[in-house]
Every structure is written in C-alpha cells, then in structure tokens.
C-alpha cells in the first residue's frame, strides 16, 4: 500500500491509527477485514452447558482472527485448574467455572458477561 505523498520528499509510510507505528511494525490485533479489534471491542459471553451429565463453561463472542484463542484457552485452563479446548466459535473449559472465567476475562480487558442461568 503506498504511503502518504508517495514519491515525493514528504513521503511517509502508512501508520496504525491506534499505536502510530508503521503497518509493517504494528502489533495491534486485527480482525479478518484488517481493522484493529482490541479486547475492549469484543463482548465475551460466558455460559455453562451440561454435556453428558457434566458441566462445561463456554466462552463465545471473541474474534478468532484478532484473539489468540489458544493462548487465552491456556490462561483460562490454568486459572481454573481444568481441561478445555478451543472450538471454531470460542473456548470451552471443563467444569462449572463461569464466575472465575468472567473475572479472568475482565482482568485481561474483555467486557465479559455471564450469560444463561
């Protein structure tokens, strides 16, 4: 992508609107369209489901391109001392850990809310 005043003495590279760094050096999380998608812009919903007689805590509403779901899952599993997995639509944690997951997500900057009963 050409920069501002491309080919002149005033040429500047295209920069990120959030951090101000050149797009090549920018590390801001971006969604599939290329726009910046910070954790505060991703309303996470945490609910629990009963599967095969056991409780499962499910986190939905996160952008899989802008969020490192594998690392987030690892952090949540570690904080809850439970197993879990990353799915196409979110993160699953084994057991009923809805309140602990909401607290952990809020600590990471996500506007998380408990959903369901």
PDB file of N, CA and C in Angstrom:
ATOM      1  N   UNK A   1       0.854  -1.167   0.000  1.00  0.00           N
ATOM      2  CA  UNK A   1       0.000   0.000   0.000  1.00  0.00           C
ATOM      3  C   UNK A   1       0.901   1.231   0.000  1.00  0.00           C
ATOM      4  N   UNK A   2       0.688   2.159  -0.937  1.00  0.00           N
ATOM      5  CA  UNK A   2       1.529   3.359  -0.972  1.00  0.00           C
ATOM      6  C   UNK A   2       1.236   4.265   0.206  1.00  0.00           C
ATOM      7  N   UNK A   3       2.253   4.979   0.623  1.00  0.00           N
ATOM      8  CA  UNK A   3       2.112   5.875   1.758  1.00  0.00           C
ATOM      9  C   UNK A   3       1.632   7.251   1.343  1.00  0.00           C
ATOM     10  N   UNK A   4       1.521   8.108   2.309  1.00  0.00           N
ATOM     11  CA  UNK A   4       1.101   9.474   2.080  1.00  0.00           C
ATOM     12  C   UNK A   4       2.191  10.227   1.321  1.00  0.00           C
ATOM     13  N   UNK A   5       1.810  10.970   0.294  1.00  0.00           N
ATOM     14  CA  UNK A   5       2.744  11.714  -0.558  1.00  0.00           C
ATOM     15  C   UNK A   5       3.785  10.781  -1.171  1.00  0.00           C
ATOM     16  N   UNK A   6       3.332   9.652  -1.694  1.00  0.00           N
ATOM     17  CA  UNK A   6       4.224   8.642  -2.255  1.00  0.00           C
ATOM     18  C   UNK A   6       5.019   9.221  -3.435  1.00  0.00           C
ATOM     19  N   UNK A   7       6.323   9.056  -3.392  1.00  0.00           N
ATOM     20  CA  UNK A   7       7.193   9.502  -4.468  1.00  0.00           C
ATOM     21  C   UNK A   7       7.685  10.928  -4.328  1.00  0.00           C
ATOM     22  N   UNK A   8       7.354  11.601  -3.235  1.00  0.00           N
ATOM     23  CA  UNK A   8       7.824  12.972  -3.032  1.00  0.00           C
ATOM     24  C   UNK A   8       8.784  13.015  -1.855  1.00  0.00           C
ATOM     25  N   UNK A   9       9.319  14.191  -1.591  1.00  0.00           N
ATOM     26  CA  UNK A   9      10.227  14.329  -0.454  1.00  0.00           C
ATOM     27  C   UNK A   9       9.472  14.271   0.872  1.00  0.00           C
ATOM     28  N   UNK A  10       8.153  14.402   0.840  1.00  0.00           N
ATOM     29  CA  UNK A  10       7.336  14.351   2.054  1.00  0.00           C
ATOM     30  C   UNK A  10       6.741  12.968   2.306  1.00  0.00           C
ATOM     31  N   UNK A  11       7.263  11.962   1.642  1.00  0.00           N
ATOM     32  CA  UNK A  11       6.710  10.607   1.729  1.00  0.00           C
ATOM     33  C   UNK A  11       6.773  10.058   3.156  1.00  0.00           C
ATOM     34  N   UNK A  12       5.655   9.506   3.629  1.00  0.00           N
ATOM     35  CA  UNK A  12       5.579   8.874   4.944  1.00  0.00           C
ATOM     36  C   UNK A  12       4.873   7.532   4.798  1.00  0.00           C
ATOM     37  N   UNK A  13       5.285   6.511   5.547  1.00  0.00           N
ATOM     38  CA  UNK A  13       4.600   5.220   5.451  1.00  0.00           C
ATOM     39  C   UNK A  13       3.217   5.287   6.102  1.00  0.00           C
ATOM     40  N   UNK A  14       2.338   4.391   5.687  1.00  0.00           N
ATOM     41  CA  UNK A  14       1.013   4.303   6.292  1.00  0.00           C
ATOM     42  C   UNK A  14       1.184   3.789   7.710  1.00  0.00           C
ATOM     43  N   UNK A  15       0.531   4.448   8.671  1.00  0.00           N
ATOM     44  CA  UNK A  15       0.704   4.081  10.068  1.00  0.00           C
ATOM     45  C   UNK A  15      -0.605   3.589  10.668  1.00  0.00           C
ATOM     46  N   UNK A  16      -0.492   2.897  11.775  1.00  0.00           N
ATOM     47  CA  UNK A  16      -1.638   2.362  12.509  1.00  0.00           C
ATOM     48  C   UNK A  16      -2.363   3.510  13.205  1.00  0.00           C
ATOM     49  N   UNK A  17      -3.697   3.467  13.195  1.00  0.00           N
ATOM     50  CA  UNK A  17      -4.464   4.537  13.817  1.00  0.00           C
ATOM     51  C   UNK A  17      -4.470   4.451  15.338  1.00  0.00           C
ATOM     52  N   UNK A  18      -4.070   3.312  15.908  1.00  0.00           N
ATOM     53  CA  UNK A  18      -4.084   3.149  17.357  1.00  0.00           C
ATOM     54  C   UNK A  18      -2.713   3.414  17.968  1.00  0.00           C
ATOM     55  N   UNK A  19      -1.692   2.711  17.480  1.00  0.00           N
ATOM     56  CA  UNK A  19      -0.369   2.839  18.100  1.00  0.00           C
ATOM     57  C   UNK A  19       0.544   3.829  17.384  1.00  0.00           C
ATOM     58  N   UNK A  20       0.235   4.189  16.140  1.00  0.00           N
ATOM     59  CA  UNK A  20       1.031   5.151  15.411  1.00  0.00           C
ATOM     60  C   UNK A  20       2.247   4.576  14.716  1.00  0.00           C
ATOM     61  N   UNK A  21       2.512   3.291  14.867  1.00  0.00           N
ATOM     62  CA  UNK A  21       3.653   2.658  14.217  1.00  0.00           C
ATOM     63  C   UNK A  21       3.319   2.369  12.754  1.00  0.00           C
ATOM     64  N   UNK A  22       4.355   2.184  11.946  1.00  0.00           N
ATOM     65  CA  UNK A  22       4.127   1.796  10.556  1.00  0.00           C
ATOM     66  C   UNK A  22       3.415   0.441  10.533  1.00  0.00           C
ATOM     67  N   UNK A  23       2.577   0.220   9.514  1.00  0.00           N
ATOM     68  CA  UNK A  23       1.780  -1.012   9.479  1.00  0.00           C
ATOM     69  C   UNK A  23       2.642  -2.270   9.480  1.00  0.00           C
ATOM     70  N   UNK A  24       3.853  -2.198   8.941  1.00  0.00           N
ATOM     71  CA  UNK A  24       4.733  -3.369   8.939  1.00  0.00           C
ATOM     72  C   UNK A  24       5.197  -3.728  10.351  1.00  0.00           C
ATOM     73  N   UNK A  25       5.349  -2.727  11.227  1.00  0.00           N
ATOM     74  CA  UNK A  25       5.810  -2.960  12.592  1.00  0.00           C
ATOM     75  C   UNK A  25       4.680  -2.998  13.610  1.00  0.00           C
ATOM     76  N   UNK A  26       3.452  -2.755  13.199  1.00  0.00           N
ATOM     77  CA  UNK A  26       2.317  -2.706  14.119  1.00  0.00           C
ATOM     78  C   UNK A  26       1.989  -4.106  14.635  1.00  0.00           C
ATOM     79  N   UNK A  27       1.745  -4.214  15.937  1.00  0.00           N
ATOM     80  CA  UNK A  27       1.378  -5.496  16.539  1.00  0.00           C
ATOM     81  C   UNK A  27      -0.027  -5.470  17.115  1.00  0.00           C
ATOM     82  N   UNK A  28      -0.830  -4.484  16.747  1.00  0.00           N
ATOM     83  CA  UNK A  28      -2.210  -4.399  17.233  1.00  0.00           C
ATOM     84  C   UNK A  28      -3.021  -5.559  16.664  1.00  0.00           C
ATOM     85  N   UNK A  29      -3.902  -6.162  17.472  1.00  0.00           N
ATOM     86  CA  UNK A  29      -4.713  -7.267  16.955  1.00  0.00           C
ATOM     87  C   UNK A  29      -5.701  -6.774  15.912  1.00  0.00           C
ATOM     88  N   UNK A  30      -5.807  -7.492  14.804  1.00  0.00           N
ATOM     89  CA  UNK A  30      -6.695  -7.105  13.705  1.00  0.00           C
ATOM     90  C   UNK A  30      -7.649  -8.240  13.379  1.00  0.00           C
ATOM     91  N   UNK A  31      -8.862  -7.864  12.955  1.00  0.00           N
ATOM     92  CA  UNK A  31      -9.841  -8.870  12.575  1.00  0.00           C
ATOM     93  C   UNK A  31      -9.639  -9.256  11.110  1.00  0.00           C
ATOM     94  N   UNK A  32     -10.566 -10.036  10.559  1.00  0.00           N
ATOM     95  CA  UNK A  32     -10.411 -10.545   9.198  1.00  0.00           C
ATOM     96  C   UNK A  32     -10.421  -9.434   8.157  1.00  0.00           C
ATOM     97  N   UNK A  33     -11.106  -8.332   8.419  1.00  0.00           N
ATOM     98  CA  UNK A  33     -11.153  -7.236   7.449  1.00  0.00           C
ATOM     99  C   UNK A  33      -9.919  -6.342   7.521  1.00  0.00           C
ATOM    100  N   UNK A  34      -9.080  -6.494   8.533  1.00  0.00           N
ATOM    101  CA  UNK A  34      -7.859  -5.714   8.661  1.00  0.00           C
ATOM    102  C   UNK A  34      -7.969  -4.539   9.606  1.00  0.00           C
ATOM    103  N   UNK A  35      -9.145  -4.303  10.168  1.00  0.00           N
ATOM    104  CA  UNK A  35      -9.283  -3.202  11.114  1.00  0.00           C
ATOM    105  C   UNK A  35      -8.884  -3.653  12.519  1.00  0.00           C
ATOM    106  N   UNK A  36      -8.452  -2.705  13.322  1.00  0.00           N
ATOM    107  CA  UNK A  36      -7.990  -3.015  14.674  1.00  0.00           C
ATOM    108  C   UNK A  36      -9.164  -3.470  15.530  1.00  0.00           C
ATOM    109  N   UNK A  37      -8.980  -4.573  16.247  1.00  0.00           N
ATOM    110  CA  UNK A  37     -10.031  -5.138  17.098  1.00  0.00           C
ATOM    111  C   UNK A  37      -9.408  -5.447  18.461  1.00  0.00           C
ATOM    112  N   UNK A  38      -9.490  -4.483  19.376  1.00  0.00           N
ATOM    113  CA  UNK A  38      -8.899  -4.630  20.703  1.00  0.00           C
ATOM    114  C   UNK A  38      -9.774  -5.516  21.582  1.00  0.00           C
ATOM    115  N   UNK A  39      -9.257  -6.015  22.697  1.00  0.00           N
ATOM    116  CA  UNK A  39     -10.093  -6.819  23.604  1.00  0.00           C
ATOM    117  C   UNK A  39     -11.321  -6.068  24.101  1.00  0.00           C
ATOM    118  N   UNK A  40     -11.229  -4.757  24.294  1.00  0.00           N
ATOM    119  CA  UNK A  40     -12.371  -3.989  24.780  1.00  0.00           C
ATOM    120  C   UNK A  40     -13.495  -3.923  23.754  1.00  0.00           C
ATOM    121  N   UNK A  41     -13.202  -4.241  22.489  1.00  0.00           N
ATOM    122  CA  UNK A  41     -14.197  -4.216  21.430  1.00  0.00           C
ATOM    123  C   UNK A  41     -14.856  -5.576  21.207  1.00  0.00           C
ATOM    124  N   UNK A  42     -14.525  -6.562  22.014  1.00  0.00           N
ATOM    125  CA  UNK A  42     -15.042  -7.917  21.830  1.00  0.00           C
ATOM    126  C   UNK A  42     -15.870  -8.330  23.052  1.00  0.00           C
ATOM    127  N   UNK A  43     -17.187  -8.164  22.993  1.00  0.00           N
ATOM    128  CA  UNK A  43     -18.023  -8.522  24.145  1.00  0.00           C
ATOM    129  C   UNK A  43     -18.123 -10.038  24.306  1.00  0.00           C
ATOM    130  N   UNK A  44     -17.422 -10.576  25.268  1.00  0.00           N
ATOM    131  CA  UNK A  44     -17.421 -12.018  25.509  1.00  0.00           C
ATOM    132  C   UNK A  44     -18.621 -12.416  26.354  1.00  0.00           C
ATOM    133  N   UNK A  45     -19.241 -13.528  26.008  1.00  0.00           N
ATOM    134  CA  UNK A  45     -20.359 -14.090  26.765  1.00  0.00           C
ATOM    135  C   UNK A  45     -19.913 -15.438  27.312  1.00  0.00           C
ATOM    136  N   UNK A  46     -20.085 -15.608  28.599  1.00  0.00           N
ATOM    137  CA  UNK A  46     -19.664 -16.843  29.261  1.00  0.00           C
ATOM    138  C   UNK A  46     -20.907 -17.538  29.782  1.00  0.00           C
ATOM    139  N   UNK A  47     -21.161 -18.742  29.289  1.00  0.00           N
ATOM    140  CA  UNK A  47     -22.302 -19.505  29.772  1.00  0.00           C
ATOM    141  C   UNK A  47     -21.865 -20.934  30.045  1.00  0.00           C
ATOM    142  N   UNK A  48     -22.725 -21.662  30.698  1.00  0.00           N
ATOM    143  CA  UNK A  48     -22.401 -23.051  31.026  1.00  0.00           C
ATOM    144  C   UNK A  48     -23.432 -23.969  30.393  1.00  0.00           C
ATOM    145  N   UNK A  49     -22.966 -25.124  29.990  1.00  0.00           N
ATOM    146  CA  UNK A  49     -23.813 -26.126  29.367  1.00  0.00           C
ATOM    147  C   UNK A  49     -23.586 -27.452  30.058  1.00  0.00           C
ATOM    148  N   UNK A  50     -24.595 -28.267  30.036  1.00  0.00           N
ATOM    149  CA  UNK A  50     -24.460 -29.603  30.593  1.00  0.00           C
ATOM    150  C   UNK A  50     -24.326 -30.570  29.436  1.00  0.00           C
ATOM    151  N   UNK A  51     -23.213 -31.257  29.379  1.00  0.00           N
ATOM    152  CA  UNK A  51     -22.928 -32.221  28.315  1.00  0.00           C
ATOM    153  C   UNK A  51     -22.578 -33.560  28.939  1.00  0.00           C
ATOM    154  N   UNK A  52     -23.326 -34.566  28.561  1.00  0.00           N
ATOM    155  CA  UNK A  52     -23.116 -35.931  29.075  1.00  0.00           C
ATOM    156  C   UNK A  52     -23.129 -35.975  30.600  1.00  0.00           C
ATOM    157  N   UNK A  53     -23.955 -35.141  31.192  1.00  0.00           N
ATOM    158  CA  UNK A  53     -24.089 -35.123  32.638  1.00  0.00           C
ATOM    159  C   UNK A  53     -23.053 -34.288  33.366  1.00  0.00           C
ATOM    160  N   UNK A  54     -22.133 -33.655  32.636  1.00  0.00           N
ATOM    161  CA  UNK A  54     -21.079 -32.840  33.256  1.00  0.00           C
ATOM    162  C   UNK A  54     -21.220 -31.395  32.781  1.00  0.00           C
ATOM    163  N   UNK A  55     -20.787 -30.448  33.610  1.00  0.00           N
ATOM    164  CA  UNK A  55     -20.864 -29.042  33.266  1.00  0.00           C
ATOM    165  C   UNK A  55     -19.681 -28.636  32.396  1.00  0.00           C
ATOM    166  N   UNK A  56     -19.936 -27.710  31.479  1.00  0.00           N
ATOM    167  CA  UNK A  56     -18.914 -27.174  30.598  1.00  0.00           C
ATOM    168  C   UNK A  56     -19.109 -25.665  30.539  1.00  0.00           C
ATOM    169  N   UNK A  57     -18.049 -24.900  30.743  1.00  0.00           N
ATOM    170  CA  UNK A  57     -18.096 -23.446  30.648  1.00  0.00           C
ATOM    171  C   UNK A  57     -17.663 -23.060  29.238  1.00  0.00           C
ATOM    172  N   UNK A  58     -18.497 -22.279  28.553  1.00  0.00           N
ATOM    173  CA  UNK A  58     -18.254 -21.930  27.154  1.00  0.00           C
ATOM    174  C   UNK A  58     -18.141 -20.414  27.019  1.00  0.00           C
ATOM    175  N   UNK A  59     -17.089 -19.956  26.356  1.00  0.00           N
ATOM    176  CA  UNK A  59     -16.867 -18.533  26.096  1.00  0.00           C
ATOM    177  C   UNK A  59     -17.099 -18.302  24.606  1.00  0.00           C
ATOM    178  N   UNK A  60     -18.033 -17.396  24.272  1.00  0.00           N
ATOM    179  CA  UNK A  60     -18.317 -17.057  22.883  1.00  0.00           C
ATOM    180  C   UNK A  60     -18.232 -15.546  22.706  1.00  0.00           C
ATOM    181  N   UNK A  61     -18.263 -15.108  21.462  1.00  0.00           N
ATOM    182  CA  UNK A  61     -18.247 -13.682  21.165  1.00  0.00           C
ATOM    183  C   UNK A  61     -16.871 -13.109  20.910  1.00  0.00           C
ATOM    184  N   UNK A  62     -15.846 -13.947  20.857  1.00  0.00           N
ATOM    185  CA  UNK A  62     -14.487 -13.471  20.607  1.00  0.00           C
ATOM    186  C   UNK A  62     -14.146 -13.637  19.130  1.00  0.00           C
ATOM    187  N   UNK A  63     -13.406 -12.690  18.582  1.00  0.00           N
ATOM    188  CA  UNK A  63     -12.985 -12.758  17.193  1.00  0.00           C
ATOM    189  C   UNK A  63     -11.787 -13.707  17.087  1.00  0.00           C
ATOM    190  N   UNK A  64     -11.903 -14.800  16.320  1.00  0.00           N
ATOM    191  CA  UNK A  64     -10.791 -15.757  16.254  1.00  0.00           C
ATOM    192  C   UNK A  64      -9.556 -15.222  15.542  1.00  0.00           C
ATOM    193  N   UNK A  65      -9.705 -14.221  14.683  1.00  0.00           N
ATOM    194  CA  UNK A  65      -8.539 -13.645  13.994  1.00  0.00           C
ATOM    195  C   UNK A  65      -7.789 -12.665  14.886  1.00  0.00           C
ATOM    196  N   UNK A  66      -8.529 -11.862  15.649  1.00  0.00           N
ATOM    197  CA  UNK A  66      -7.907 -10.823  16.466  1.00  0.00           C
ATOM    198  C   UNK A  66      -7.443 -11.335  17.819  1.00  0.00           C
ATOM    199  N   UNK A  67      -7.947 -12.483  18.252  1.00  0.00           N
ATOM    200  CA  UNK A  67      -7.614 -13.022  19.561  1.00  0.00           C
ATOM    201  C   UNK A  67      -6.842 -14.320  19.393  1.00  0.00           C
ATOM    202  N   UNK A  68      -5.786 -14.477  20.160  1.00  0.00           N
ATOM    203  CA  UNK A  68      -5.052 -15.738  20.172  1.00  0.00           C
ATOM    204  C   UNK A  68      -5.821 -16.696  21.082  1.00  0.00           C
ATOM    205  N   UNK A  69      -6.767 -17.429  20.500  1.00  0.00           N
ATOM    206  CA  UNK A  69      -7.638 -18.291  21.297  1.00  0.00           C
ATOM    207  C   UNK A  69      -6.873 -19.404  21.996  1.00  0.00           C
ATOM    208  N   UNK A  70      -5.820 -19.899  21.386  1.00  0.00           N
ATOM    209  CA  UNK A  70      -5.041 -20.970  22.019  1.00  0.00           C
ATOM    210  C   UNK A  70      -4.385 -20.471  23.306  1.00  0.00           C
ATOM    211  N   UNK A  71      -3.787 -19.278  23.268  1.00  0.00           N
ATOM    212  CA  UNK A  71      -3.137 -18.728  24.460  1.00  0.00           C
ATOM    213  C   UNK A  71      -4.177 -18.349  25.507  1.00  0.00           C
ATOM    214  N   UNK A  72      -5.312 -17.791  25.077  1.00  0.00           N
ATOM    215  CA  UNK A  72      -6.373 -17.444  26.007  1.00  0.00           C
ATOM    216  C   UNK A  72      -6.930 -18.687  26.687  1.00  0.00           C
ATOM    217  N   UNK A  73      -7.111 -19.746  25.923  1.00  0.00           N
ATOM    218  CA  UNK A  73      -7.590 -21.005  26.490  1.00  0.00           C
ATOM    219  C   UNK A  73      -6.608 -21.548  27.520  1.00  0.00           C
ATOM    220  N   UNK A  74      -5.338 -21.454  27.209  1.00  0.00           N
ATOM    221  CA  UNK A  74      -4.314 -21.931  28.146  1.00  0.00           C
ATOM    222  C   UNK A  74      -4.348 -21.153  29.449  1.00  0.00           C
ATOM    223  N   UNK A  75      -4.504 -19.827  29.360  1.00  0.00           N
ATOM    224  CA  UNK A  75      -4.568 -18.996  30.563  1.00  0.00           C
ATOM    225  C   UNK A  75      -5.809 -19.322  31.388  1.00  0.00           C
ATOM    226  N   UNK A  76      -6.939 -19.490  30.724  1.00  0.00           N
ATOM    227  CA  UNK A  76      -8.178 -19.793  31.449  1.00  0.00           C
ATOM    228  C   UNK A  76      -8.124 -21.182  32.086  1.00  0.00           C
ATOM    229  N   UNK A  77      -7.589 -22.153  31.356  1.00  0.00           N
ATOM    230  CA  UNK A  77      -7.475 -23.501  31.922  1.00  0.00           C
ATOM    231  C   UNK A  77      -6.561 -23.512  33.129  1.00  0.00           C
ATOM    232  N   UNK A  78      -5.488 -22.732  33.063  1.00  0.00           N
ATOM    233  CA  UNK A  78      -4.550 -22.676  34.177  1.00  0.00           C
ATOM    234  C   UNK A  78      -5.178 -21.993  35.390  1.00  0.00           C
ATOM    235  N   UNK A  79      -5.920 -20.913  35.155  1.00  0.00           N
ATOM    236  CA  UNK A  79      -6.533 -20.207  36.276  1.00  0.00           C
ATOM    237  C   UNK A  79      -7.651 -21.026  36.924  1.00  0.00           C
ATOM    238  N   UNK A  80      -8.306 -21.896  36.152  1.00  0.00           N
ATOM    239  CA  UNK A  80      -9.386 -22.724  36.688  1.00  0.00           C
ATOM    240  C   UNK A  80      -8.917 -24.120  37.095  1.00  0.00           C
ATOM    241  N   UNK A  81      -7.681 -24.460  36.791  1.00  0.00           N
ATOM    242  CA  UNK A  81      -7.145 -25.800  37.053  1.00  0.00           C
ATOM    243  C   UNK A  81      -8.052 -26.867  36.454  1.00  0.00           C
ATOM    244  N   UNK A  82      -8.350 -26.683  35.174  1.00  0.00           N
ATOM    245  CA  UNK A  82      -9.245 -27.603  34.484  1.00  0.00           C
ATOM    246  C   UNK A  82      -8.771 -27.789  33.050  1.00  0.00           C
ATOM    247  N   UNK A  83      -9.356 -28.770  32.395  1.00  0.00           N
ATOM    248  CA  UNK A  83      -9.072 -29.009  30.992  1.00  0.00           C
ATOM    249  C   UNK A  83      -9.975 -28.154  30.127  1.00  0.00           C
ATOM    250  N   UNK A  84      -9.769 -28.239  28.836  1.00  0.00           N
ATOM    251  CA  UNK A  84     -10.604 -27.478  27.934  1.00  0.00           C
ATOM    252  C   UNK A  84     -10.111 -27.581  26.514  1.00  0.00           C
ATOM    253  N   UNK A  85     -10.760 -26.825  25.637  1.00  0.00           N
ATOM    254  CA  UNK A  85     -10.420 -26.881  24.222  1.00  0.00           C
ATOM    255  C   UNK A  85     -10.790 -25.566  23.552  1.00  0.00           C
ATOM    256  N   UNK A  86     -10.205 -25.379  22.367  1.00  0.00           N
ATOM    257  CA  UNK A  86     -10.546 -24.243  21.518  1.00  0.00           C
ATOM    258  C   UNK A  86     -11.444 -24.777  20.411  1.00  0.00           C
ATOM    259  N   UNK A  87     -12.591 -24.131  20.202  1.00  0.00           N
ATOM    260  CA  UNK A  87     -13.504 -24.526  19.132  1.00  0.00           C
ATOM    261  C   UNK A  87     -13.575 -23.410  18.096  1.00  0.00           C
ATOM    262  N   UNK A  88     -14.334 -23.645  17.041  1.00  0.00           N
ATOM    263  CA  UNK A  88     -14.455 -22.651  15.980  1.00  0.00           C
ATOM    264  C   UNK A  88     -15.147 -21.384  16.460  1.00  0.00           C
ATOM    265  N   UNK A  89     -16.044 -21.497  17.445  1.00  0.00           N
ATOM    266  CA  UNK A  89     -16.787 -20.321  17.890  1.00  0.00           C
ATOM    267  C   UNK A  89     -16.373 -19.822  19.269  1.00  0.00           C
ATOM    268  N   UNK A  90     -15.348 -20.376  19.876  1.00  0.00           N
ATOM    269  CA  UNK A  90     -14.921 -19.878  21.181  1.00  0.00           C
ATOM    270  C   UNK A  90     -14.013 -20.834  21.924  1.00  0.00           C
ATOM    271  N   UNK A  91     -14.093 -20.757  23.249  1.00  0.00           N
ATOM    272  CA  UNK A  91     -13.252 -21.551  24.143  1.00  0.00           C
ATOM    273  C   UNK A  91     -14.153 -22.335  25.086  1.00  0.00           C
ATOM    274  N   UNK A  92     -13.797 -23.575  25.357  1.00  0.00           N
ATOM    275  CA  UNK A  92     -14.535 -24.412  26.289  1.00  0.00           C
ATOM    276  C   UNK A  92     -13.624 -24.812  27.446  1.00  0.00           C
ATOM    277  N   UNK A  93     -14.153 -24.717  28.655  1.00  0.00           N
ATOM    278  CA  UNK A  93     -13.434 -25.110  29.867  1.00  0.00           C
ATOM    279  C   UNK A  93     -14.279 -26.163  30.568  1.00  0.00           C
ATOM    280  N   UNK A  94     -13.639 -27.254  30.981  1.00  0.00           N
ATOM    281  CA  UNK A  94     -14.366 -28.318  31.656  1.00  0.00           C
ATOM    282  C   UNK A  94     -14.730 -27.896  33.069  1.00  0.00           C
ATOM    283  N   UNK A  95     -15.992 -28.103  33.436  1.00  0.00           N
ATOM    284  CA  UNK A  95     -16.455 -27.784  34.777  1.00  0.00           C
ATOM    285  C   UNK A  95     -17.238 -26.482  34.811  1.00  0.00           C
ATOM    286  N   UNK A  96     -17.849 -26.217  35.964  1.00  0.00           N
ATOM    287  CA  UNK A  96     -18.642 -25.010  36.166  1.00  0.00           C
ATOM    288  C   UNK A  96     -17.748 -23.924  36.755  1.00  0.00           C
ATOM    289  N   UNK A  97     -17.091 -23.146  35.876  1.00  0.00           N
ATOM    290  CA  UNK A  97     -16.158 -22.096  36.292  1.00  0.00           C
ATOM    291  C   UNK A  97     -16.571 -20.746  35.725  1.00  0.00           C
ATOM    292  N   UNK A  98     -17.877 -20.523  35.575  1.00  0.00           N
ATOM    293  CA  UNK A  98     -18.353 -19.321  34.899  1.00  0.00           C
ATOM    294  C   UNK A  98     -17.875 -18.049  35.587  1.00  0.00           C
ATOM    295  N   UNK A  99     -18.013 -17.938  36.883  1.00  0.00           N
ATOM    296  CA  UNK A  99     -17.620 -16.710  37.586  1.00  0.00           C
ATOM    297  C   UNK A  99     -16.112 -16.484  37.536  1.00  0.00           C
ATOM    298  N   UNK A 100     -15.334 -17.540  37.651  1.00  0.00           N
ATOM    299  CA  UNK A 100     -13.875 -17.407  37.589  1.00  0.00           C
ATOM    300  C   UNK A 100     -13.423 -16.997  36.189  1.00  0.00           C
ATOM    301  N   UNK A 101     -14.071 -17.521  35.152  1.00  0.00           N
ATOM    302  CA  UNK A 101     -13.708 -17.180  33.775  1.00  0.00           C
ATOM    303  C   UNK A 101     -14.085 -15.735  33.479  1.00  0.00           C
ATOM    304  N   UNK A 102     -15.246 -15.290  33.951  1.00  0.00           N
ATOM    305  CA  UNK A 102     -15.648 -13.895  33.757  1.00  0.00           C
ATOM    306  C   UNK A 102     -14.642 -12.961  34.428  1.00  0.00           C
ATOM    307  N   UNK A 103     -14.228 -13.285  35.631  1.00  0.00           N
ATOM    308  CA  UNK A 103     -13.252 -12.454  36.347  1.00  0.00           C
ATOM    309  C   UNK A 103     -11.909 -12.428  35.619  1.00  0.00           C
ATOM    310  N   UNK A 104     -11.482 -13.579  35.105  1.00  0.00           N
ATOM    311  CA  UNK A 104     -10.205 -13.646  34.391  1.00  0.00           C
ATOM    312  C   UNK A 104     -10.265 -12.843  33.090  1.00  0.00           C
ATOM    313  N   UNK A 105     -11.372 -12.942  32.357  1.00  0.00           N
ATOM    314  CA  UNK A 105     -11.511 -12.195  31.112  1.00  0.00           C
ATOM    315  C   UNK A 105     -11.559 -10.683  31.371  1.00  0.00           C
ATOM    316  N   UNK A 106     -12.246 -10.282  32.415  1.00  0.00           N
ATOM    317  CA  UNK A 106     -12.280  -8.853  32.761  1.00  0.00           C
ATOM    318  C   UNK A 106     -10.894  -8.352  33.126  1.00  0.00           C
ATOM    319  N   UNK A 107     -10.108  -9.197  33.781  1.00  0.00           N
ATOM    320  CA  UNK A 107      -8.744  -8.827  34.128  1.00  0.00           C
ATOM    321  C   UNK A 107      -7.869  -8.653  32.893  1.00  0.00           C
ATOM    322  N   UNK A 108      -8.206  -9.344  31.796  1.00  0.00           N
ATOM    323  CA  UNK A 108      -7.460  -9.234  30.549  1.00  0.00           C
ATOM    324  C   UNK A 108      -7.966  -8.116  29.654  1.00  0.00           C
ATOM    325  N   UNK A 109      -9.042  -7.428  30.080  1.00  0.00           N
ATOM    326  CA  UNK A 109      -9.530  -6.290  29.326  1.00  0.00           C
ATOM    327  C   UNK A 109     -10.753  -6.561  28.468  1.00  0.00           C
ATOM    328  N   UNK A 110     -11.310  -7.752  28.535  1.00  0.00           N
ATOM    329  CA  UNK A 110     -12.519  -8.070  27.761  1.00  0.00           C
ATOM    330  C   UNK A 110     -13.755  -7.667  28.564  1.00  0.00           C
ATOM    331  N   UNK A 111     -14.776  -7.079  27.930  1.00  0.00           N
ATOM    332  CA  UNK A 111     -16.010  -6.772  28.633  1.00  0.00           C
ATOM    333  C   UNK A 111     -16.873  -8.030  28.722  1.00  0.00           C
ATOM    334  N   UNK A 112     -16.526  -8.944  29.612  1.00  0.00           N
ATOM    335  CA  UNK A 112     -17.179 -10.240  29.714  1.00  0.00           C
ATOM    336  C   UNK A 112     -18.419 -10.150  30.581  1.00  0.00           C
ATOM    337  N   UNK A 113     -19.434 -10.922  30.212  1.00  0.00           N
ATOM    338  CA  UNK A 113     -20.663 -11.013  30.992  1.00  0.00           C
ATOM    339  C   UNK A 113     -21.066 -12.464  31.104  1.00  0.00           C
ATOM    340  N   UNK A 114     -21.623 -12.810  32.259  1.00  0.00           N
ATOM    341  CA  UNK A 114     -22.164 -14.146  32.440  1.00  0.00           C
ATOM    342  C   UNK A 114     -23.508 -14.212  31.741  1.00  0.00           C
ATOM    343  N   UNK A 115     -23.735 -15.259  30.982  1.00  0.00           N
ATOM    344  CA  UNK A 115     -24.988 -15.423  30.242  1.00  0.00           C
ATOM    345  C   UNK A 115     -25.637 -16.724  30.680  1.00  0.00           C
ATOM    346  N   UNK A 116     -26.942 -16.789  30.544  1.00  0.00           N
ATOM    347  CA  UNK A 116     -27.651 -18.008  30.909  1.00  0.00           C
ATOM    348  C   UNK A 116     -27.901 -18.091  32.387  1.00  0.00           C
ATOM    349  N   UNK A 117     -28.357 -19.262  32.823  1.00  0.00           N
ATOM    350  CA  UNK A 117     -28.739 -19.431  34.226  1.00  0.00           C
ATOM    351  C   UNK A 117     -27.697 -19.934  35.058  1.00  0.00           C
TER     352      UNK A 117
END
